[in-house]
Structure formats: structure tokens, C-alpha cells
Amino acid sequence: MAMNHNDCGAVAESPLRIALQIELAERVARSVPADGMHRTNVPKLWLSRATEESQCVPALMDPSLFVVVQGRKRVLVGEREFVYDPFTYVVVTVPMPVRSHVIEASPDDPFLCLRVEIDPKTMGELLLEVGPIERPDDCCECGVYCDRASDALLEGVLRLVRLLDAPAEVPVLAPLALREIYYRLLASPQGLRLRELSQVDSQAQRIARAIDLLKSRYNEPLRIAELAEAVHMSPSALHHRFKAVTAMSPIQFQKQLRLHEARRLMVIEGLEAASAGHRVGYESPSQFSREYRRLFGAPPRQDISHLLVSGASRSPALPGM
């Protein structure tokens, strides 16, 4: 299978950038003593840690900025591949399924990463101040992109992370730090993708609305014509644009939404496989089991048992990046 490799690192770094990265790594390591993804007391900030390399697993990602401060990770979106490490970042612009795994980690040098949730409302407000820019002819529409972090972005991220040690300052300073981070993303060379999502009635925003509709009605039969009409696009244009952004068709996207939700229901609510499959829209238990195994690599009961034993049930619905 052909791969579009996107490796964002491997360049010489300035003393300032190295100092910023070292402080970020120290603060993240101090704040996450155990493996896994952890919510922090700072709004929209998550920290993750892994002490060993992992298998490539599917995950459902929400719009977020991901910054690796130690180790390396690989993300697959259809046939596109993104490898990111310190001094780089990945942005997920719309909710979408991806596959990812840690490719560099050890007990002595664990993989460390932070995630900042992207707030569309704040992005829209900032867009009014930043103003529009001309769209390049070769701009990629994929809903995930990787780029090198600027000094300014790393400084903004560090200001947010420092608030972990200053809880009294969080209510006042966290919104300012988040606003700065969002601004840096909008002003970056790749920021056009986020700008288009915030522009009223743009093609990108229509696809984002289609995704929201699929998320809210994932257990209902999918009628492409109705979905296209709801977002003011022709069925053919919807299919083309949707696949360009998510690397899958609307039907494939809905199927993955259903399977991820069924997995959550089995772990969190303790539902049996047949009940979970029926809850998310499957009429045939055998079809549900077959498609579940194709996505997660094991039949439902075996997969859920592994999740519970491994402790992954603490955050089964959280992004794996």
C-alpha cells in the first residue's frame, strides 16, 4: 500500500527551542507518574505517558493539538502517515477515526505527550481578528496535519503547562494561554485548515457539520441524499470532500463511530456484545462481531477482557495520541 510519509522532525534546533522542550518534558514527566492519558486541572489540557512501544490501534479523535515532548509516535489516516516527535505537533481539525502507536519509549525515557482540546467558538472569535488569507492551490484537505512547532507556539504551550503548578492562577490565565495557542495555530503555515473550519458556510465547515450529524445519529440508517441536503452539498460533492478530509466515505465513517461507541458501552456500562451492537444500530449480531473484529483485531468479548485486564478501561473513549 502506498504511503504518504510525513515526518516532521530531524532538523537542527536552537538553544531556545531545546530549553523550551527540556522544561516541557520535565513538567509533563513530573505531572504524569503513571502510564495512560490523564485529564489535568487546567481546562482542555491532557497529559499522556507510555513506558513501552505500543501496537497500532484505532482511536476516535476529537479536534485537538498534540505535542510530543519525549519519544515518537506514528499516526495513520487512510494511506497517509504522520510521524511526530519533540519540536513537532499534530493537529486534528475534525472528529475522526485514526490509527496510532508509540514507536519510541522505554521505562528510562518514556513517551510523553500533551493534548490541548481545540474550542471552535474561540477559534471563530480569533478568526475575526486574524482575518482571511488566500488559499494555496495545493492545500491538502486531510483533517489531520503535522508541522514543526515554532518557538512562539512552544512558549504558549509551556505557559499553559506551568499552570499545573499554580492552580490559583488557572481561572484567569488558562483562557489567555489557550487563546494564544489557538492564535499561533491559526497564524501558522498550516493554519488555513483551521481557518476554513471557522468560516461560515465554507466547504470545510459543511463537512464538519456532516460529521456532527453522523455523530448525533450514528445509530440511524444513513441516507446520503438527506445528509448532503442538510449540509447544502450535492451527494457527489459530499462524498468527494468527506473522503478528502477523513480518508473514508460517510458510510465507513458511520460504521467506525458505531463500533467505537459499542466498545465504550461494553466497557463502561457492561453491556453484552449483542446488546451493544443493537444499541448502536446493528441488526445482525454476527455482522457486528465480524466488523468489530476487523477494526479492533479481536472479537468483542476477547477485546473487552483485554481492555479490562490492562486497565485501559479507565479511559476507553479517549484519544490514543
Protein backbone atom coordinates (compact mmCIF):
# COMPACT_ATOMS: atom_id res chain seq x y z
CA MET A 1 0.00 0.00 0.00
CA ALA A 2 1.37 3.38 -0.96
CA MET A 3 2.03 5.69 1.94
CA ASN A 4 2.32 9.46 2.04
CA HIS A 5 5.03 9.76 4.67
CA ASN A 6 5.05 12.94 6.72
CA ASP A 7 7.94 13.07 9.18
CA CYS A 8 8.08 16.46 10.86
CA GLY A 9 11.39 16.32 12.71
CA ALA A 10 15.09 15.77 12.06
CA VAL A 11 16.43 19.34 11.87
CA ALA A 12 18.92 21.30 13.97
CA GLU A 13 17.32 23.13 16.90
CA SER A 14 18.22 26.44 18.52
CA PRO A 15 19.27 26.68 22.19
CA LEU A 16 15.93 28.39 22.98
CA ARG A 17 13.89 25.58 21.45
CA ILE A 18 15.94 22.97 23.29
CA ALA A 19 15.43 24.79 26.59
CA LEU A 20 11.67 25.03 26.00
CA GLN A 21 11.46 21.32 25.15
CA ILE A 22 13.50 20.28 28.19
CA GLU A 23 11.27 22.25 30.55
CA LEU A 24 8.12 20.87 28.91
CA ALA A 25 9.42 17.30 29.26
CA GLU A 26 10.35 17.82 32.91
CA ARG A 27 6.97 19.31 33.81
CA VAL A 28 4.96 16.66 31.94
CA ALA A 29 7.03 13.82 33.43
CA ARG A 30 6.51 15.20 36.94
CA SER A 31 2.76 15.51 36.41
CA VAL A 32 2.12 12.00 34.96
CA PRO A 33 3.85 9.34 37.09
CA ALA A 34 1.70 6.52 35.60
CA ASP A 35 1.13 5.37 32.02
CA GLY A 36 -2.05 6.41 30.25
CA MET A 37 -3.94 9.57 29.28
CA HIS A 38 -4.68 11.90 32.19
CA ARG A 39 -7.03 14.87 32.49
CA THR A 40 -5.45 17.80 34.34
CA ASN A 41 -6.85 20.62 36.47
CA VAL A 42 -6.08 23.01 33.61
CA PRO A 43 -9.06 23.27 31.22
CA LYS A 44 -8.63 21.44 27.90
CA LEU A 45 -5.17 20.09 28.84
CA TRP A 46 -4.45 16.36 28.92
CA LEU A 47 -1.11 14.63 29.52
CA SER A 48 -0.07 11.13 28.45
CA ARG A 49 2.78 8.76 29.20
CA ALA A 50 3.91 5.37 27.89
CA THR A 51 6.94 3.36 29.02
CA GLU A 52 6.94 0.96 26.08
CA GLU A 53 6.18 0.89 22.39
CA SER A 54 2.59 0.00 21.52
CA GLN A 55 0.65 -1.81 18.84
CA CYS A 56 -1.15 0.20 16.19
CA VAL A 57 -4.69 0.67 17.49
CA PRO A 58 -7.77 2.53 16.23
CA ALA A 59 -8.98 5.57 18.14
CA LEU A 60 -11.64 8.22 17.71
CA MET A 61 -10.04 11.67 17.93
CA ASP A 62 -11.69 14.99 18.74
CA PRO A 63 -10.27 18.29 17.41
CA SER A 64 -7.04 18.80 19.34
CA LEU A 65 -3.42 19.87 19.28
CA PHE A 66 -0.93 17.11 20.20
CA VAL A 67 2.65 17.96 21.17
CA VAL A 68 5.18 15.20 21.85
CA VAL A 69 7.83 16.28 24.37
CA GLN A 70 9.68 12.96 24.55
CA GLY A 71 9.68 9.86 22.32
CA ARG A 72 7.97 9.37 18.96
CA LYS A 73 4.53 8.42 17.70
CA ARG A 74 3.08 7.32 14.36
CA VAL A 75 -0.43 8.19 13.18
CA LEU A 76 -2.20 6.66 10.18
CA VAL A 77 -5.12 8.34 8.41
CA GLY A 78 -6.13 6.16 5.49
CA GLU A 79 -2.94 5.86 3.42
CA ARG A 80 -1.37 8.97 4.97
CA GLU A 81 1.30 8.53 7.62
CA PHE A 82 2.44 11.10 10.18
CA VAL A 83 5.44 10.60 12.46
CA TYR A 84 5.94 13.22 15.13
CA ASP A 85 8.41 13.77 17.96
CA PRO A 86 9.75 16.65 20.10
CA PHE A 87 9.65 20.06 18.39
CA THR A 88 6.71 18.97 16.22
CA TYR A 89 2.97 18.79 16.64
CA VAL A 90 -0.10 17.16 15.16
CA VAL A 91 -3.48 18.85 14.80
CA VAL A 92 -6.78 17.00 14.36
CA THR A 93 -9.20 19.52 12.86
CA VAL A 94 -12.44 17.49 12.90
CA PRO A 95 -13.63 14.45 14.89
CA MET A 96 -12.30 11.42 13.05
CA PRO A 97 -11.08 7.83 13.45
CA VAL A 98 -7.35 7.24 13.10
CA ARG A 99 -4.82 4.54 13.94
CA SER A 100 -1.76 5.32 16.03
CA HIS A 101 1.00 3.80 18.09
CA VAL A 102 4.04 4.79 20.14
CA ILE A 103 7.24 3.89 18.27
CA GLU A 104 9.85 5.16 20.74
CA ALA A 105 9.53 4.73 24.51
CA SER A 106 11.23 2.98 27.42
CA PRO A 107 10.99 2.96 31.24
CA ASP A 108 14.07 5.22 31.42
CA ASP A 109 12.86 7.55 28.66
CA PRO A 110 9.07 7.26 28.48
CA PHE A 111 6.95 8.66 25.70
CA LEU A 112 5.43 11.94 26.91
CA CYS A 113 2.77 13.92 25.10
CA LEU A 114 0.29 16.68 25.83
CA ARG A 115 -3.05 17.29 24.24
CA VAL A 116 -4.87 20.63 24.05
CA GLU A 117 -8.53 20.45 23.05
CA ILE A 118 -9.49 22.88 20.30
CA ASP A 119 -12.51 25.06 21.06
CA PRO A 120 -14.33 26.02 17.82
CA LYS A 121 -16.03 29.02 19.44
CA THR A 122 -12.75 30.61 20.49
CA MET A 123 -11.26 29.78 17.10
CA GLY A 124 -14.15 31.56 15.40
CA GLU A 125 -13.70 34.66 17.57
CA LEU A 126 -9.98 34.76 16.82
CA LEU A 127 -10.60 34.34 13.12
CA LEU A 128 -12.45 37.66 13.05
CA GLU A 129 -9.30 39.33 14.39
CA VAL A 130 -6.75 37.38 12.32
CA GLY A 131 -8.60 37.89 9.04
CA PRO A 132 -8.72 35.69 5.93
CA ILE A 133 -5.76 34.60 3.83
CA GLU A 134 -5.57 33.35 0.28
CA ARG A 135 -5.93 29.59 -0.12
CA PRO A 136 -2.95 27.91 -1.84
CA ASP A 137 -3.81 25.76 -4.85
CA ASP A 138 -2.05 22.73 -3.35
CA CYS A 139 -3.61 22.92 0.12
CA CYS A 140 -4.36 19.43 1.47
CA GLU A 141 -7.84 18.85 2.89
CA CYS A 142 -6.94 16.00 5.25
CA GLY A 143 -8.38 16.50 8.74
CA VAL A 144 -5.01 15.69 10.35
CA TYR A 145 -1.74 17.51 9.75
CA CYS A 146 1.76 17.59 11.20
CA ASP A 147 4.13 20.56 11.35
CA ARG A 148 7.18 21.88 13.16
CA ALA A 149 6.37 23.84 16.30
CA SER A 150 7.53 27.45 16.31
CA ASP A 151 9.26 28.95 19.34
CA ALA A 152 6.16 31.09 19.91
CA LEU A 153 3.85 28.06 19.94
CA LEU A 154 6.11 26.14 22.33
CA GLU A 155 6.26 29.16 24.63
CA GLY A 156 2.46 29.38 24.63
CA VAL A 157 2.12 25.66 25.38
CA LEU A 158 4.69 25.97 28.19
CA ARG A 159 2.74 28.84 29.75
CA LEU A 160 -0.33 26.59 29.85
CA VAL A 161 1.62 23.64 31.31
CA ARG A 162 3.21 25.84 34.02
CA LEU A 163 -0.29 26.46 35.37
CA LEU A 164 -0.29 22.86 36.62
CA ASP A 165 1.85 24.16 39.48
CA ALA A 166 -0.24 27.32 40.00
CA PRO A 167 -3.86 26.19 40.43
CA ALA A 168 -4.94 29.54 41.86
CA GLU A 169 -3.94 31.23 38.59
CA VAL A 170 -5.78 28.79 36.32
CA PRO A 171 -9.16 30.60 36.15
CA VAL A 172 -7.55 33.85 34.97
CA LEU A 173 -4.51 32.75 32.96
CA ALA A 174 -5.63 29.48 31.34
CA PRO A 175 -8.08 31.18 28.94
CA LEU A 176 -5.33 33.61 27.91
CA ALA A 177 -2.81 30.81 27.32
CA LEU A 178 -5.34 28.80 25.32
CA ARG A 179 -6.21 31.86 23.24
CA GLU A 180 -2.51 32.39 22.49
CA ILE A 181 -2.06 28.74 21.46
CA TYR A 182 -5.07 28.89 19.16
CA TYR A 183 -3.77 32.12 17.63
CA ARG A 184 -0.37 30.53 16.94
CA LEU A 185 -2.07 27.64 15.19
CA LEU A 186 -4.21 29.95 13.05
CA ALA A 187 -1.18 32.06 12.15
CA SER A 188 0.99 29.04 11.25
CA PRO A 189 1.65 27.92 7.64
CA GLN A 190 -0.91 25.12 8.11
CA GLY A 191 -3.40 27.35 9.90
CA LEU A 192 -5.59 27.71 6.81
CA ARG A 193 -7.22 24.37 7.58
CA LEU A 194 -8.43 25.60 10.96
CA ARG A 195 -9.45 28.95 9.49
CA GLU A 196 -11.67 27.31 6.88
CA LEU A 197 -13.44 25.30 9.55
CA SER A 198 -14.35 28.53 11.31
CA GLN A 199 -15.57 30.31 8.18
CA VAL A 200 -19.34 30.29 7.84
CA ASP A 201 -20.61 28.02 5.06
CA SER A 202 -17.15 27.06 3.80
CA GLN A 203 -16.69 23.59 2.27
CA ALA A 204 -14.65 22.55 5.32
CA GLN A 205 -17.36 23.73 7.72
CA ARG A 206 -20.02 21.84 5.76
CA ILE A 207 -18.01 18.63 6.14
CA ALA A 208 -17.62 19.37 9.85
CA ARG A 209 -21.41 19.74 10.10
CA ALA A 210 -21.87 16.45 8.26
CA ILE A 211 -19.57 14.79 10.79
CA ASP A 212 -21.56 16.30 13.67
CA LEU A 213 -24.78 14.94 12.17
CA LEU A 214 -23.26 11.49 11.80
CA LYS A 215 -22.08 11.59 15.41
CA SER A 216 -25.52 12.54 16.70
CA ARG A 217 -27.35 9.97 14.53
CA TYR A 218 -24.79 7.17 14.28
CA ASN A 219 -27.38 4.51 15.20
CA GLU A 220 -29.81 5.53 12.45
CA PRO A 221 -29.78 4.31 8.83
CA LEU A 222 -27.59 6.59 6.74
CA ARG A 223 -29.18 8.28 3.72
CA ILE A 224 -26.51 10.12 1.78
CA ALA A 225 -29.00 12.30 -0.10
CA GLU A 226 -30.53 13.56 3.16
CA LEU A 227 -27.11 14.18 4.70
CA ALA A 228 -25.97 16.08 1.61
CA GLU A 229 -29.12 18.20 1.60
CA ALA A 230 -28.67 19.01 5.31
CA VAL A 231 -25.22 20.49 4.66
CA HIS A 232 -26.16 22.11 1.31
CA MET A 233 -23.97 19.93 -0.89
CA SER A 234 -24.64 17.52 -3.74
CA PRO A 235 -24.21 13.82 -2.86
CA SER A 236 -21.18 13.52 -5.15
CA ALA A 237 -19.52 16.65 -3.72
CA LEU A 238 -20.19 15.46 -0.17
CA HIS A 239 -18.66 12.06 -0.88
CA HIS A 240 -15.56 13.58 -2.51
CA ARG A 241 -14.93 16.25 0.14
CA PHE A 242 -15.75 13.92 3.04
CA LYS A 243 -13.22 11.36 1.84
CA ALA A 244 -10.58 14.04 1.29
CA VAL A 245 -10.93 15.18 4.91
CA THR A 246 -11.40 11.85 6.72
CA ALA A 247 -9.86 9.33 4.27
CA MET A 248 -13.12 7.37 4.31
CA SER A 249 -16.66 7.58 2.97
CA PRO A 250 -19.58 8.75 5.16
CA ILE A 251 -20.78 5.13 5.43
CA GLN A 252 -17.35 3.91 6.54
CA PHE A 253 -17.15 6.80 8.99
CA GLN A 254 -20.54 5.95 10.50
CA LYS A 255 -19.51 2.30 10.85
CA GLN A 256 -16.43 3.27 12.85
CA LEU A 257 -18.48 5.62 15.03
CA ARG A 258 -20.84 2.74 15.80
CA LEU A 259 -18.05 0.32 16.66
CA HIS A 260 -16.23 2.79 18.92
CA GLU A 261 -19.46 3.59 20.75
CA ALA A 262 -20.26 -0.11 21.15
CA ARG A 263 -16.83 -0.65 22.64
CA ARG A 264 -17.44 2.16 25.11
CA LEU A 265 -20.83 0.72 26.07
CA MET A 266 -19.33 -2.70 26.76
CA VAL A 267 -16.54 -1.29 28.92
CA ILE A 268 -18.34 1.50 30.79
CA GLU A 269 -21.89 0.17 31.01
CA GLY A 270 -21.09 -3.55 30.98
CA LEU A 271 -23.36 -4.39 28.04
CA GLU A 272 -23.06 -7.74 26.30
CA ALA A 273 -21.84 -7.68 22.72
CA ALA A 274 -25.26 -8.37 21.19
CA SER A 275 -26.91 -5.61 23.23
CA ALA A 276 -24.17 -3.11 22.44
CA GLY A 277 -24.34 -3.93 18.73
CA HIS A 278 -28.12 -3.49 18.70
CA ARG A 279 -27.85 -0.22 20.64
CA VAL A 280 -25.58 1.33 18.01
CA GLY A 281 -27.65 0.21 15.03
CA TYR A 282 -26.61 -3.34 14.10
CA GLU A 283 -29.48 -5.75 13.41
CA SER A 284 -27.20 -8.78 12.93
CA PRO A 285 -25.01 -9.86 15.90
CA SER A 286 -22.76 -11.85 13.58
CA GLN A 287 -22.19 -8.83 11.33
CA PHE A 288 -21.42 -6.69 14.38
CA SER A 289 -18.91 -9.24 15.70
CA ARG A 290 -17.28 -9.60 12.29
CA GLU A 291 -16.87 -5.86 11.74
CA TYR A 292 -15.78 -5.30 15.34
CA ARG A 293 -13.01 -7.86 14.95
CA ARG A 294 -11.92 -6.30 11.66
CA LEU A 295 -11.48 -2.90 13.33
CA PHE A 296 -10.12 -3.82 16.76
CA GLY A 297 -8.28 -7.04 15.90
CA ALA A 298 -10.25 -9.33 18.22
CA PRO A 299 -13.89 -10.36 18.78
CA PRO A 300 -15.83 -8.18 21.26
CA ARG A 301 -15.60 -10.39 24.35
CA GLN A 302 -11.86 -11.02 23.95
CA ASP A 303 -11.12 -7.35 23.23
CA ILE A 304 -13.11 -6.09 26.23
CA SER A 305 -11.48 -8.66 28.55
CA HIS A 306 -8.07 -7.44 27.42
CA LEU A 307 -9.05 -3.81 27.99
CA LEU A 308 -10.30 -4.53 31.50
CA VAL A 309 -7.22 -6.55 32.44
CA SER A 310 -4.79 -3.99 31.02
CA GLY A 311 -6.51 -1.10 32.78
CA ALA A 312 -7.39 0.64 29.52
CA SER A 313 -10.97 0.87 30.75
CA ARG A 314 -10.01 3.95 32.75
CA SER A 315 -10.29 6.00 29.58
CA PRO A 316 -11.65 3.82 26.71
CA ALA A 317 -13.19 6.70 24.81
CA LEU A 318 -10.18 8.98 24.99
CA PRO A 319 -7.83 9.64 22.09
CA GLY A 320 -4.84 7.35 21.90
CA MET A 321 -2.42 10.04 20.74
